[in-house]
Protein backbone atom coordinates (compact mmCIF):
# COMPACT_ATOMS: atom_id res chain seq x y z
CA UNK A 1 -6.66 -7.42 -20.92
CA UNK A 2 -4.33 -4.36 -20.66
CA UNK A 3 -6.13 -3.09 -17.63
CA UNK A 4 -5.54 -6.46 -15.90
CA UNK A 5 -1.73 -6.23 -16.92
CA UNK A 6 -1.58 -2.78 -15.46
CA UNK A 7 -3.36 -3.61 -12.26
CA UNK A 8 -1.14 -6.64 -11.60
CA UNK A 9 2.06 -4.77 -12.41
CA UNK A 10 1.13 -1.79 -10.29
CA UNK A 11 -0.02 -3.84 -7.36
CA UNK A 12 3.29 -5.95 -7.35
CA UNK A 13 5.30 -2.70 -7.62
CA UNK A 14 3.24 -1.12 -4.84
CA UNK A 15 3.82 -4.21 -2.55
CA UNK A 16 7.57 -4.08 -3.35
CA UNK A 17 7.83 -0.42 -2.51
CA UNK A 18 5.68 -0.89 0.69
CA UNK A 19 7.95 -3.71 1.82
CA UNK A 20 11.16 -1.83 1.06
CA UNK A 21 9.82 1.14 3.13
CA UNK A 22 9.08 -1.29 6.12
CA UNK A 23 12.71 -2.64 5.78
CA UNK A 24 14.23 0.85 5.88
CA UNK A 25 12.15 2.17 8.70
CA UNK A 26 14.47 2.13 11.69
CA UNK A 27 12.58 4.50 13.87
CA UNK A 28 11.45 1.85 16.42
CA UNK A 29 15.00 0.76 16.99
CA UNK A 30 16.06 4.34 17.57
CA UNK A 31 13.26 4.94 20.02
CA UNK A 32 13.98 1.76 21.97
CA UNK A 33 17.70 2.51 21.92
CA UNK A 34 17.17 5.86 23.46
CA UNK A 35 15.02 4.36 26.37
CA UNK A 36 13.20 7.65 26.90
CA UNK A 37 10.18 9.37 25.36
CA UNK A 38 11.49 10.99 22.19
CA UNK A 39 10.44 11.40 18.56
CA UNK A 40 12.65 9.74 15.86
CA UNK A 41 12.41 11.56 12.52
CA UNK A 42 10.76 9.73 9.68
CA UNK A 43 13.41 8.81 7.08
CA UNK A 44 12.90 10.61 3.67
CA UNK A 45 13.20 7.35 1.84
CA UNK A 46 10.42 5.72 3.99
CA UNK A 47 8.07 8.57 3.16
CA UNK A 48 8.79 8.49 -0.55
CA UNK A 49 8.38 4.74 -0.82
CA UNK A 50 5.06 4.76 1.20
CA UNK A 51 3.73 7.62 -1.00
CA UNK A 52 4.88 5.74 -4.10
CA UNK A 53 3.13 2.65 -2.82
CA UNK A 54 -0.07 4.58 -2.21
CA UNK A 55 0.06 6.12 -5.80
CA UNK A 56 0.50 2.80 -7.40
CA UNK A 57 -2.25 1.23 -5.32
CA UNK A 58 -4.46 4.06 -6.41
CA UNK A 59 -3.59 3.39 -10.08
CA UNK A 60 -4.31 -0.40 -9.41
CA UNK A 61 -7.69 0.47 -8.08
CA UNK A 62 -8.41 2.73 -11.05
CA UNK A 63 -7.31 -0.01 -13.53
CA UNK A 64 -9.36 -2.69 -11.79
CA UNK A 65 -12.49 -0.43 -11.87
CA UNK A 66 -11.71 0.06 -15.68
CA UNK A 67 -11.58 -3.71 -15.98
CA UNK A 68 -14.82 -4.11 -14.20
CA UNK A 69 -16.48 -1.64 -16.52
CA UNK A 70 -15.19 -3.46 -19.50
CA UNK A 71 -16.34 -6.79 -18.19
CA UNK A 72 -19.89 -5.46 -17.57
CA UNK A 73 -19.84 -3.68 -21.07
CA UNK A 74 -18.63 -6.75 -23.02
CA UNK A 75 -20.05 -9.93 -21.31
CA UNK A 76 -18.27 -13.22 -21.95
CA UNK A 77 -18.35 -16.68 -20.56
CA UNK A 78 -15.33 -15.78 -18.35
CA UNK A 79 -17.21 -12.92 -16.78
CA UNK A 80 -18.86 -15.21 -14.18
CA UNK A 81 -15.58 -15.84 -12.63
CA UNK A 82 -13.66 -12.66 -13.56
CA UNK A 83 -16.19 -10.13 -12.14
CA UNK A 84 -16.12 -11.59 -8.46
CA UNK A 85 -12.28 -11.86 -8.60
CA UNK A 86 -11.94 -8.43 -9.85
CA UNK A 87 -14.37 -7.13 -7.27
CA UNK A 88 -12.37 -8.72 -4.44
CA UNK A 89 -9.11 -7.35 -6.02
CA UNK A 90 -10.65 -3.83 -5.90
CA UNK A 91 -11.36 -4.16 -2.25
CA UNK A 92 -7.85 -5.61 -1.42
CA UNK A 93 -6.19 -2.93 -3.38
CA UNK A 94 -8.20 -0.07 -1.75
CA UNK A 95 -7.54 -1.56 1.76
CA UNK A 96 -3.79 -1.71 1.01
CA UNK A 97 -3.92 1.83 -0.40
CA UNK A 98 -5.41 3.08 2.90
CA UNK A 99 -2.76 1.28 4.86
CA UNK A 100 0.10 2.57 2.81
CA UNK A 101 -1.46 6.14 2.98
CA UNK A 102 -1.69 5.82 6.76
CA UNK A 103 2.03 4.83 6.96
CA UNK A 104 2.84 7.88 4.92
CA UNK A 105 1.09 10.35 7.25
CA UNK A 106 1.39 8.53 10.52
CA UNK A 107 2.92 10.56 13.29
CA UNK A 108 5.97 9.48 15.11
CA UNK A 109 5.41 6.81 17.83
CA UNK A 110 6.54 7.93 21.16
CA UNK A 111 8.17 5.50 23.62
CA UNK A 112 8.03 6.19 27.46
CA UNK A 113 11.12 6.10 29.53
CA UNK A 114 12.17 2.54 30.57
CA UNK A 115 13.82 1.71 33.90
CA UNK A 116 16.44 -0.95 34.15
């Protein structure tokens, strides 16, 4: 049960950090405002929050894998429902982890010059 609590808490915290990083990321507005091809620096807070989200999602995946191992080692009547749900949660957590990791290392997005 502790593994499930850790997984849920870490996943919620990671989503919160990822959402906050998205709210603080103002690079697109800076690039559109300049109307020419340039690179806007990635704010430090955005990189830190995306990195934190990636780490938390890695912890979530590890906790869910531990929960799966416990469910297989100690079978119960709830295992018929818990194992598929936990497996789906591992996949979702891993996909979010790759998304947050990509946002952390993503290069700056250039914008070409606009006329008008």
